[in-house]
PDB file of all heavy atoms in Angstrom:
ATOM      1  N   LYS A   1       0.842  -1.213   0.000  1.00  0.00           N
ATOM      2  CA  LYS A   1       0.000   0.000   0.000  1.00  0.00           C
ATOM      3  C   LYS A   1       0.871   1.255   0.000  1.00  0.00           C
ATOM      4  O   LYS A   1       0.647   2.205  -0.765  1.00  0.00           O
ATOM      5  CB  LYS A   1      -0.915  -0.015   1.228  1.00  0.00           C
ATOM      6  CG  LYS A   1      -1.876   1.167   1.333  1.00  0.00           C
ATOM      7  CD  LYS A   1      -2.842   0.952   2.501  1.00  0.00           C
ATOM      8  CE  LYS A   1      -3.832   2.101   2.617  1.00  0.00           C
ATOM      9  NZ  LYS A   1      -3.202   3.316   3.173  1.00  0.00           N
ATOM     10  N   GLU A   2       1.894   1.252   0.834  1.00  0.00           N
ATOM     11  CA  GLU A   2       2.806   2.402   0.930  1.00  0.00           C
ATOM     12  C   GLU A   2       3.548   2.629  -0.387  1.00  0.00           C
ATOM     13  O   GLU A   2       3.708   3.754  -0.851  1.00  0.00           O
ATOM     14  CB  GLU A   2       3.810   2.157   2.059  1.00  0.00           C
ATOM     15  CG  GLU A   2       4.825   3.271   2.242  1.00  0.00           C
ATOM     16  CD  GLU A   2       5.958   2.853   3.161  1.00  0.00           C
ATOM     17  OE1 GLU A   2       5.681   2.118   4.131  1.00  0.00           O
ATOM     18  OE2 GLU A   2       7.104   3.246   2.893  1.00  0.00           O
ATOM     19  N   ARG A   3       3.992   1.525  -1.019  1.00  0.00           N
ATOM     20  CA  ARG A   3       4.738   1.648  -2.275  1.00  0.00           C
ATOM     21  C   ARG A   3       3.846   2.132  -3.425  1.00  0.00           C
ATOM     22  O   ARG A   3       4.284   2.913  -4.256  1.00  0.00           O
ATOM     23  CB  ARG A   3       5.370   0.303  -2.653  1.00  0.00           C
ATOM     24  CG  ARG A   3       6.467  -0.180  -1.736  1.00  0.00           C
ATOM     25  CD  ARG A   3       7.644   0.785  -1.656  1.00  0.00           C
ATOM     26  NE  ARG A   3       7.458   1.806  -0.650  1.00  0.00           N
ATOM     27  CZ  ARG A   3       8.221   2.880  -0.504  1.00  0.00           C
ATOM     28  NH1 ARG A   3       9.244   3.088  -1.314  1.00  0.00           N
ATOM     29  NH2 ARG A   3       7.989   3.756   0.440  1.00  0.00           N
ATOM     30  N   VAL A   4       2.602   1.668  -3.447  1.00  0.00           N
ATOM     31  CA  VAL A   4       1.680   2.121  -4.489  1.00  0.00           C
ATOM     32  C   VAL A   4       1.365   3.604  -4.291  1.00  0.00           C
ATOM     33  O   VAL A   4       1.372   4.393  -5.240  1.00  0.00           O
ATOM     34  CB  VAL A   4       0.378   1.278  -4.494  1.00  0.00           C
ATOM     35  CG1 VAL A   4      -0.633   1.854  -5.486  1.00  0.00           C
ATOM     36  CG2 VAL A   4       0.689  -0.172  -4.851  1.00  0.00           C
ATOM     37  N   GLU A   5       1.131   3.994  -3.040  1.00  0.00           N
ATOM     38  CA  GLU A   5       0.852   5.414  -2.737  1.00  0.00           C
ATOM     39  C   GLU A   5       2.041   6.300  -3.104  1.00  0.00           C
ATOM     40  O   GLU A   5       1.863   7.467  -3.484  1.00  0.00           O
ATOM     41  CB  GLU A   5       0.526   5.568  -1.252  1.00  0.00           C
ATOM     42  CG  GLU A   5      -0.820   4.983  -0.859  1.00  0.00           C
ATOM     43  CD  GLU A   5      -1.089   5.049   0.629  1.00  0.00           C
ATOM     44  OE1 GLU A   5      -0.131   5.313   1.404  1.00  0.00           O
ATOM     45  OE2 GLU A   5      -2.242   4.822   1.027  1.00  0.00           O
ATOM     46  N   TYR A   6       3.237   5.750  -3.003  1.00  0.00           N
ATOM     47  CA  TYR A   6       4.476   6.490  -3.310  1.00  0.00           C
ATOM     48  C   TYR A   6       4.517   6.975  -4.754  1.00  0.00           C
ATOM     49  O   TYR A   6       5.202   7.930  -5.077  1.00  0.00           O
ATOM     50  CB  TYR A   6       5.661   5.558  -3.014  1.00  0.00           C
ATOM     51  CG  TYR A   6       7.043   6.141  -3.217  1.00  0.00           C
ATOM     52  CD1 TYR A   6       7.597   7.006  -2.278  1.00  0.00           C
ATOM     53  CD2 TYR A   6       7.811   5.800  -4.332  1.00  0.00           C
ATOM     54  CE1 TYR A   6       8.878   7.527  -2.442  1.00  0.00           C
ATOM     55  CE2 TYR A   6       9.092   6.307  -4.502  1.00  0.00           C
ATOM     56  CZ  TYR A   6       9.620   7.173  -3.554  1.00  0.00           C
ATOM     57  OH  TYR A   6      10.887   7.675  -3.721  1.00  0.00           O
ATOM     58  N   THR A   7       3.757   6.317  -5.630  1.00  0.00           N
ATOM     59  CA  THR A   7       3.771   6.693  -7.051  1.00  0.00           C
ATOM     60  C   THR A   7       2.803   7.831  -7.370  1.00  0.00           C
ATOM     61  O   THR A   7       2.716   8.245  -8.520  1.00  0.00           O
ATOM     62  CB  THR A   7       3.443   5.484  -7.952  1.00  0.00           C
ATOM     63  OG1 THR A   7       2.108   5.041  -7.669  1.00  0.00           O
ATOM     64  CG2 THR A   7       4.413   4.350  -7.736  1.00  0.00           C
ATOM     65  N   PHE A   8       2.073   8.317  -6.348  1.00  0.00           N
ATOM     66  CA  PHE A   8       1.114   9.398  -6.562  1.00  0.00           C
ATOM     67  C   PHE A   8       1.404  10.582  -5.644  1.00  0.00           C
ATOM     68  O   PHE A   8       1.855  10.404  -4.513  1.00  0.00           O
ATOM     69  CB  PHE A   8      -0.318   8.911  -6.308  1.00  0.00           C
ATOM     70  CG  PHE A   8      -0.749   7.811  -7.238  1.00  0.00           C
ATOM     71  CD1 PHE A   8      -0.801   6.493  -6.786  1.00  0.00           C
ATOM     72  CD2 PHE A   8      -1.083   8.077  -8.555  1.00  0.00           C
ATOM     73  CE1 PHE A   8      -1.198   5.468  -7.637  1.00  0.00           C
ATOM     74  CE2 PHE A   8      -1.471   7.057  -9.408  1.00  0.00           C
ATOM     75  CZ  PHE A   8      -1.535   5.758  -8.954  1.00  0.00           C
ATOM     76  N   TYR A   9       1.123  11.785  -6.118  1.00  0.00           N
ATOM     77  CA  TYR A   9       1.266  12.986  -5.287  1.00  0.00           C
ATOM     78  C   TYR A   9       0.258  12.936  -4.145  1.00  0.00           C
ATOM     79  O   TYR A   9       0.585  13.197  -2.997  1.00  0.00           O
ATOM     80  CB  TYR A   9       1.043  14.238  -6.146  1.00  0.00           C
ATOM     81  CG  TYR A   9       1.103  15.521  -5.356  1.00  0.00           C
ATOM     82  CD1 TYR A   9       2.336  16.079  -4.989  1.00  0.00           C
ATOM     83  CD2 TYR A   9      -0.062  16.185  -4.963  1.00  0.00           C
ATOM     84  CE1 TYR A   9       2.401  17.256  -4.255  1.00  0.00           C
ATOM     85  CE2 TYR A   9      -0.010  17.347  -4.231  1.00  0.00           C
ATOM     86  CZ  TYR A   9       1.227  17.891  -3.881  1.00  0.00           C
ATOM     87  OH  TYR A   9       1.296  19.050  -3.149  1.00  0.00           O
ATOM     88  N   ASP A  10      -0.984  12.588  -4.490  1.00  0.00           N
ATOM     89  CA  ASP A  10      -2.031  12.428  -3.485  1.00  0.00           C
ATOM     90  C   ASP A  10      -2.216  10.937  -3.233  1.00  0.00           C
ATOM     91  O   ASP A  10      -2.709  10.223  -4.104  1.00  0.00           O
ATOM     92  CB  ASP A  10      -3.343  13.043  -3.986  1.00  0.00           C
ATOM     93  CG  ASP A  10      -4.474  12.918  -2.961  1.00  0.00           C
ATOM     94  OD1 ASP A  10      -4.234  12.333  -1.885  1.00  0.00           O
ATOM     95  OD2 ASP A  10      -5.583  13.399  -3.249  1.00  0.00           O
ATOM     96  N   PRO A  11      -1.827  10.459  -2.045  1.00  0.00           N
ATOM     97  CA  PRO A  11      -1.919   9.013  -1.756  1.00  0.00           C
ATOM     98  C   PRO A  11      -3.323   8.439  -1.958  1.00  0.00           C
ATOM     99  O   PRO A  11      -3.469   7.245  -2.235  1.00  0.00           O
ATOM    100  CB  PRO A  11      -1.511   8.925  -0.280  1.00  0.00           C
ATOM    101  CG  PRO A  11      -0.718  10.159  -0.013  1.00  0.00           C
ATOM    102  CD  PRO A  11      -1.296  11.218  -0.895  1.00  0.00           C
ATOM    103  N   LYS A  12      -4.355   9.293  -1.859  1.00  0.00           N
ATOM    104  CA  LYS A  12      -5.731   8.820  -2.019  1.00  0.00           C
ATOM    105  C   LYS A  12      -6.005   8.331  -3.444  1.00  0.00           C
ATOM    106  O   LYS A  12      -6.981   7.615  -3.677  1.00  0.00           O
ATOM    107  CB  LYS A  12      -6.721   9.935  -1.659  1.00  0.00           C
ATOM    108  CG  LYS A  12      -6.711  10.290  -0.182  1.00  0.00           C
ATOM    109  CD  LYS A  12      -7.626  11.466   0.097  1.00  0.00           C
ATOM    110  CE  LYS A  12      -7.499  11.916   1.547  1.00  0.00           C
ATOM    111  NZ  LYS A  12      -8.252  13.181   1.787  1.00  0.00           N
ATOM    112  N   THR A  13      -5.151   8.720  -4.390  1.00  0.00           N
ATOM    113  CA  THR A  13      -5.305   8.242  -5.773  1.00  0.00           C
ATOM    114  C   THR A  13      -5.104   6.732  -5.834  1.00  0.00           C
ATOM    115  O   THR A  13      -5.651   6.064  -6.720  1.00  0.00           O
ATOM    116  CB  THR A  13      -4.295   8.949  -6.712  1.00  0.00           C
ATOM    117  OG1 THR A  13      -4.392  10.363  -6.521  1.00  0.00           O
ATOM    118  CG2 THR A  13      -4.566   8.634  -8.171  1.00  0.00           C
ATOM    119  N   ALA A  14      -4.327   6.199  -4.898  1.00  0.00           N
ATOM    120  CA  ALA A  14      -4.103   4.744  -4.827  1.00  0.00           C
ATOM    121  C   ALA A  14      -5.315   4.096  -4.189  1.00  0.00           C
ATOM    122  O   ALA A  14      -5.369   3.886  -2.980  1.00  0.00           O
ATOM    123  CB  ALA A  14      -2.837   4.442  -4.035  1.00  0.00           C
ATOM    124  N   SER A  15      -6.305   3.776  -5.001  1.00  0.00           N
ATOM    125  CA  SER A  15      -7.543   3.175  -4.506  1.00  0.00           C
ATOM    126  C   SER A  15      -7.274   1.790  -3.914  1.00  0.00           C
ATOM    127  O   SER A  15      -6.258   1.152  -4.212  1.00  0.00           O
ATOM    128  CB  SER A  15      -8.555   3.047  -5.639  1.00  0.00           C
ATOM    129  OG  SER A  15      -8.078   2.129  -6.609  1.00  0.00           O
ATOM    130  N   LYS A  16      -8.188   1.336  -3.078  1.00  0.00           N
ATOM    131  CA  LYS A  16      -8.059  -0.002  -2.499  1.00  0.00           C
ATOM    132  C   LYS A  16      -8.017  -1.054  -3.606  1.00  0.00           C
ATOM    133  O   LYS A  16      -7.266  -2.034  -3.526  1.00  0.00           O
ATOM    134  CB  LYS A  16      -9.210  -0.293  -1.536  1.00  0.00           C
ATOM    135  CG  LYS A  16      -9.051  -1.638  -0.813  1.00  0.00           C
ATOM    136  CD  LYS A  16     -10.142  -1.889   0.182  1.00  0.00           C
ATOM    137  CE  LYS A  16      -9.881  -3.168   0.975  1.00  0.00           C
ATOM    138  NZ  LYS A  16      -9.717  -4.370   0.134  1.00  0.00           N
ATOM    139  N   GLU A  17      -8.801  -0.832  -4.657  1.00  0.00           N
ATOM    140  CA  GLU A  17      -8.820  -1.762  -5.789  1.00  0.00           C
ATOM    141  C   GLU A  17      -7.445  -1.875  -6.430  1.00  0.00           C
ATOM    142  O   GLU A  17      -6.973  -2.971  -6.751  1.00  0.00           O
ATOM    143  CB  GLU A  17      -9.850  -1.275  -6.830  1.00  0.00           C
ATOM    144  CG  GLU A  17     -10.012  -2.208  -8.014  1.00  0.00           C
ATOM    145  CD  GLU A  17     -10.979  -1.656  -9.054  1.00  0.00           C
ATOM    146  OE1 GLU A  17     -11.307  -0.459  -9.006  1.00  0.00           O
ATOM    147  OE2 GLU A  17     -11.391  -2.443  -9.925  1.00  0.00           O
ATOM    148  N   LEU A  18      -6.771  -0.725  -6.595  1.00  0.00           N
ATOM    149  CA  LEU A  18      -5.429  -0.718  -7.188  1.00  0.00           C
ATOM    150  C   LEU A  18      -4.425  -1.406  -6.266  1.00  0.00           C
ATOM    151  O   LEU A  18      -3.614  -2.216  -6.721  1.00  0.00           O
ATOM    152  CB  LEU A  18      -4.996   0.723  -7.478  1.00  0.00           C
ATOM    153  CG  LEU A  18      -3.623   0.911  -8.129  1.00  0.00           C
ATOM    154  CD1 LEU A  18      -3.551   0.226  -9.495  1.00  0.00           C
ATOM    155  CD2 LEU A  18      -3.309   2.401  -8.274  1.00  0.00           C
ATOM    156  N   VAL A  19      -4.480  -1.083  -4.979  1.00  0.00           N
ATOM    157  CA  VAL A  19      -3.559  -1.705  -4.015  1.00  0.00           C
ATOM    158  C   VAL A  19      -3.782  -3.216  -3.964  1.00  0.00           C
ATOM    159  O   VAL A  19      -2.829  -4.003  -3.967  1.00  0.00           O
ATOM    160  CB  VAL A  19      -3.732  -1.082  -2.613  1.00  0.00           C
ATOM    161  CG1 VAL A  19      -2.853  -1.824  -1.592  1.00  0.00           C
ATOM    162  CG2 VAL A  19      -3.365   0.400  -2.633  1.00  0.00           C
ATOM    163  N   ASP A  20      -5.047  -3.629  -3.947  1.00  0.00           N
ATOM    164  CA  ASP A  20      -5.374  -5.062  -3.929  1.00  0.00           C
ATOM    165  C   ASP A  20      -4.811  -5.772  -5.158  1.00  0.00           C
ATOM    166  O   ASP A  20      -4.311  -6.900  -5.075  1.00  0.00           O
ATOM    167  CB  ASP A  20      -6.895  -5.266  -3.882  1.00  0.00           C
ATOM    168  CG  ASP A  20      -7.491  -4.915  -2.524  1.00  0.00           C
ATOM    169  OD1 ASP A  20      -6.714  -4.711  -1.565  1.00  0.00           O
ATOM    170  OD2 ASP A  20      -8.732  -4.843  -2.426  1.00  0.00           O
ATOM    171  N   GLU A  21      -4.901  -5.098  -6.304  1.00  0.00           N
ATOM    172  CA  GLU A  21      -4.416  -5.682  -7.557  1.00  0.00           C
ATOM    173  C   GLU A  21      -2.907  -5.908  -7.502  1.00  0.00           C
ATOM    174  O   GLU A  21      -2.403  -6.979  -7.865  1.00  0.00           O
ATOM    175  CB  GLU A  21      -4.775  -4.745  -8.718  1.00  0.00           C
ATOM    176  CG  GLU A  21      -4.510  -5.309 -10.096  1.00  0.00           C
ATOM    177  CD  GLU A  21      -4.954  -4.348 -11.199  1.00  0.00           C
ATOM    178  OE1 GLU A  21      -5.913  -3.591 -10.981  1.00  0.00           O
ATOM    179  OE2 GLU A  21      -4.323  -4.367 -12.263  1.00  0.00           O
ATOM    180  N   VAL A  22      -2.170  -4.893  -7.017  1.00  0.00           N
ATOM    181  CA  VAL A  22      -0.712  -5.018  -6.905  1.00  0.00           C
ATOM    182  C   VAL A  22      -0.345  -6.055  -5.845  1.00  0.00           C
ATOM    183  O   VAL A  22       0.584  -6.847  -6.024  1.00  0.00           O
ATOM    184  CB  VAL A  22      -0.061  -3.644  -6.578  1.00  0.00           C
ATOM    185  CG1 VAL A  22       1.444  -3.808  -6.358  1.00  0.00           C
ATOM    186  CG2 VAL A  22      -0.314  -2.648  -7.706  1.00  0.00           C
ATOM    187  N   PHE A  23      -1.098  -6.082  -4.750  1.00  0.00           N
ATOM    188  CA  PHE A  23      -0.851  -7.060  -3.685  1.00  0.00           C
ATOM    189  C   PHE A  23      -1.003  -8.480  -4.220  1.00  0.00           C
ATOM    190  O   PHE A  23      -0.189  -9.363  -3.927  1.00  0.00           O
ATOM    191  CB  PHE A  23      -1.818  -6.816  -2.524  1.00  0.00           C
ATOM    192  CG  PHE A  23      -1.618  -7.743  -1.356  1.00  0.00           C
ATOM    193  CD1 PHE A  23      -0.476  -7.660  -0.570  1.00  0.00           C
ATOM    194  CD2 PHE A  23      -2.574  -8.703  -1.041  1.00  0.00           C
ATOM    195  CE1 PHE A  23      -0.285  -8.519   0.511  1.00  0.00           C
ATOM    196  CE2 PHE A  23      -2.388  -9.559   0.037  1.00  0.00           C
ATOM    197  CZ  PHE A  23      -1.243  -9.466   0.813  1.00  0.00           C
ATOM    198  N   GLU A  24      -2.050  -8.693  -5.023  1.00  0.00           N
ATOM    199  CA  GLU A  24      -2.283 -10.022  -5.613  1.00  0.00           C
ATOM    200  C   GLU A  24      -1.114 -10.419  -6.520  1.00  0.00           C
ATOM    201  O   GLU A  24      -0.653 -11.554  -6.495  1.00  0.00           O
ATOM    202  CB  GLU A  24      -3.601 -10.003  -6.386  1.00  0.00           C
ATOM    203  CG  GLU A  24      -4.024 -11.361  -6.953  1.00  0.00           C
ATOM    204  CD  GLU A  24      -3.396 -11.677  -8.308  1.00  0.00           C
ATOM    205  OE1 GLU A  24      -3.218 -10.734  -9.105  1.00  0.00           O
ATOM    206  OE2 GLU A  24      -3.064 -12.851  -8.569  1.00  0.00           O
ATOM    207  N   ILE A  25      -0.631  -9.470  -7.302  1.00  0.00           N
ATOM    208  CA  ILE A  25       0.496  -9.725  -8.211  1.00  0.00           C
ATOM    209  C   ILE A  25       1.739 -10.127  -7.416  1.00  0.00           C
ATOM    210  O   ILE A  25       2.419 -11.106  -7.726  1.00  0.00           O
ATOM    211  CB  ILE A  25       0.790  -8.485  -9.082  1.00  0.00           C
ATOM    212  CG1 ILE A  25      -0.331  -8.252 -10.096  1.00  0.00           C
ATOM    213  CG2 ILE A  25       2.131  -8.634  -9.809  1.00  0.00           C
ATOM    214  CD1 ILE A  25      -0.279  -6.893 -10.767  1.00  0.00           C
ATOM    215  N   THR A  26       2.025  -9.360  -6.357  1.00  0.00           N
ATOM    216  CA  THR A  26       3.257  -9.599  -5.597  1.00  0.00           C
ATOM    217  C   THR A  26       3.187 -10.847  -4.724  1.00  0.00           C
ATOM    218  O   THR A  26       4.201 -11.273  -4.166  1.00  0.00           O
ATOM    219  CB  THR A  26       3.599  -8.383  -4.704  1.00  0.00           C
ATOM    220  OG1 THR A  26       2.509  -8.135  -3.801  1.00  0.00           O
ATOM    221  CG2 THR A  26       3.856  -7.144  -5.550  1.00  0.00           C
ATOM    222  N   ASN A  27       2.004 -11.442  -4.584  1.00  0.00           N
ATOM    223  CA  ASN A  27       1.878 -12.689  -3.827  1.00  0.00           C
ATOM    224  C   ASN A  27       2.128 -13.923  -4.687  1.00  0.00           C
ATOM    225  O   ASN A  27       2.100 -15.041  -4.181  1.00  0.00           O
ATOM    226  CB  ASN A  27       0.491 -12.783  -3.179  1.00  0.00           C
ATOM    227  CG  ASN A  27       0.518 -12.279  -1.751  1.00  0.00           C
ATOM    228  OD1 ASN A  27       1.583 -12.151  -1.162  1.00  0.00           O
ATOM    229  ND2 ASN A  27      -0.635 -11.973  -1.204  1.00  0.00           N
ATOM    230  N   SER A  28       2.344 -13.705  -5.969  1.00  0.00           N
ATOM    231  CA  SER A  28       2.627 -14.815  -6.878  1.00  0.00           C
ATOM    232  C   SER A  28       4.125 -14.854  -7.181  1.00  0.00           C
ATOM    233  O   SER A  28       4.671 -13.912  -7.769  1.00  0.00           O
ATOM    234  CB  SER A  28       1.838 -14.633  -8.188  1.00  0.00           C
ATOM    235  OG  SER A  28       2.363 -15.452  -9.205  1.00  0.00           O
ATOM    236  N   ILE A  29       4.801 -15.920  -6.759  1.00  0.00           N
ATOM    237  CA  ILE A  29       6.252 -16.018  -6.997  1.00  0.00           C
ATOM    238  C   ILE A  29       6.602 -15.938  -8.480  1.00  0.00           C
ATOM    239  O   ILE A  29       7.508 -15.183  -8.862  1.00  0.00           O
ATOM    240  CB  ILE A  29       6.828 -17.312  -6.358  1.00  0.00           C
ATOM    241  CG1 ILE A  29       6.755 -17.211  -4.833  1.00  0.00           C
ATOM    242  CG2 ILE A  29       8.266 -17.555  -6.805  1.00  0.00           C
ATOM    243  CD1 ILE A  29       7.175 -18.454  -4.098  1.00  0.00           C
ATOM    244  N   PRO A  30       5.906 -16.665  -9.393  1.00  0.00           N
ATOM    245  CA  PRO A  30       6.237 -16.547 -10.819  1.00  0.00           C
ATOM    246  C   PRO A  30       6.096 -15.117 -11.351  1.00  0.00           C
ATOM    247  O   PRO A  30       6.931 -14.653 -12.140  1.00  0.00           O
ATOM    248  CB  PRO A  30       5.222 -17.483 -11.499  1.00  0.00           C
ATOM    249  CG  PRO A  30       4.852 -18.465 -10.439  1.00  0.00           C
ATOM    250  CD  PRO A  30       4.859 -17.692  -9.168  1.00  0.00           C
ATOM    251  N   LYS A  31       5.060 -14.399 -10.894  1.00  0.00           N
ATOM    252  CA  LYS A  31       4.870 -13.010 -11.344  1.00  0.00           C
ATOM    253  C   LYS A  31       5.975 -12.103 -10.819  1.00  0.00           C
ATOM    254  O   LYS A  31       6.510 -11.261 -11.546  1.00  0.00           O
ATOM    255  CB  LYS A  31       3.489 -12.496 -10.905  1.00  0.00           C
ATOM    256  CG  LYS A  31       2.339 -13.128 -11.668  1.00  0.00           C
ATOM    257  CD  LYS A  31       0.996 -12.604 -11.183  1.00  0.00           C
ATOM    258  CE  LYS A  31      -0.154 -13.279 -11.945  1.00  0.00           C
ATOM    259  NZ  LYS A  31      -1.479 -12.804 -11.474  1.00  0.00           N
ATOM    260  N   VAL A  32       6.324 -12.279  -9.550  1.00  0.00           N
ATOM    261  CA  VAL A  32       7.385 -11.463  -8.944  1.00  0.00           C
ATOM    262  C   VAL A  32       8.721 -11.693  -9.651  1.00  0.00           C
ATOM    263  O   VAL A  32       9.480 -10.751  -9.895  1.00  0.00           O
ATOM    264  CB  VAL A  32       7.510 -11.744  -7.430  1.00  0.00           C
ATOM    265  CG1 VAL A  32       8.785 -11.119  -6.859  1.00  0.00           C
ATOM    266  CG2 VAL A  32       6.292 -11.202  -6.685  1.00  0.00           C
ATOM    267  N   LEU A  33       9.012 -12.948  -9.986  1.00  0.00           N
ATOM    268  CA  LEU A  33      10.258 -13.246 -10.696  1.00  0.00           C
ATOM    269  C   LEU A  33      10.332 -12.505 -12.035  1.00  0.00           C
ATOM    270  O   LEU A  33      11.375 -11.988 -12.420  1.00  0.00           O
ATOM    271  CB  LEU A  33      10.394 -14.752 -10.926  1.00  0.00           C
ATOM    272  CG  LEU A  33      10.696 -15.599  -9.686  1.00  0.00           C
ATOM    273  CD1 LEU A  33      10.666 -17.087 -10.023  1.00  0.00           C
ATOM    274  CD2 LEU A  33      12.050 -15.222  -9.082  1.00  0.00           C
ATOM    275  N   ARG A  34       9.206 -12.455 -12.732  1.00  0.00           N
ATOM    276  CA  ARG A  34       9.163 -11.736 -14.006  1.00  0.00           C
ATOM    277  C   ARG A  34       9.293 -10.231 -13.808  1.00  0.00           C
ATOM    278  O   ARG A  34       9.997  -9.549 -14.556  1.00  0.00           O
ATOM    279  CB  ARG A  34       7.874 -12.086 -14.760  1.00  0.00           C
ATOM    280  CG  ARG A  34       7.921 -13.481 -15.378  1.00  0.00           C
ATOM    281  CD  ARG A  34       6.557 -14.019 -15.753  1.00  0.00           C
ATOM    282  NE  ARG A  34       6.669 -15.313 -16.416  1.00  0.00           N
ATOM    283  CZ  ARG A  34       6.873 -16.465 -15.787  1.00  0.00           C
ATOM    284  NH1 ARG A  34       6.989 -16.476 -14.470  1.00  0.00           N
ATOM    285  NH2 ARG A  34       6.967 -17.594 -16.466  1.00  0.00           N
ATOM    286  N   ILE A  35       8.623  -9.714 -12.796  1.00  0.00           N
ATOM    287  CA  ILE A  35       8.701  -8.281 -12.496  1.00  0.00           C
ATOM    288  C   ILE A  35      10.139  -7.879 -12.185  1.00  0.00           C
ATOM    289  O   ILE A  35      10.645  -6.872 -12.685  1.00  0.00           O
ATOM    290  CB  ILE A  35       7.769  -7.928 -11.308  1.00  0.00           C
ATOM    291  CG1 ILE A  35       6.306  -7.959 -11.777  1.00  0.00           C
ATOM    292  CG2 ILE A  35       8.109  -6.560 -10.730  1.00  0.00           C
ATOM    293  CD1 ILE A  35       5.310  -7.959 -10.646  1.00  0.00           C
TER     294      ILE A  35
END
């Protein structure tokens, strides 16, 4: 959540939906390896 908010001037732009999406991605080892 903190890292996603870091990409915006206003942290509120990082919606829960967006944070959840990134969280889901980073919980997958194959996806993280590619990233």
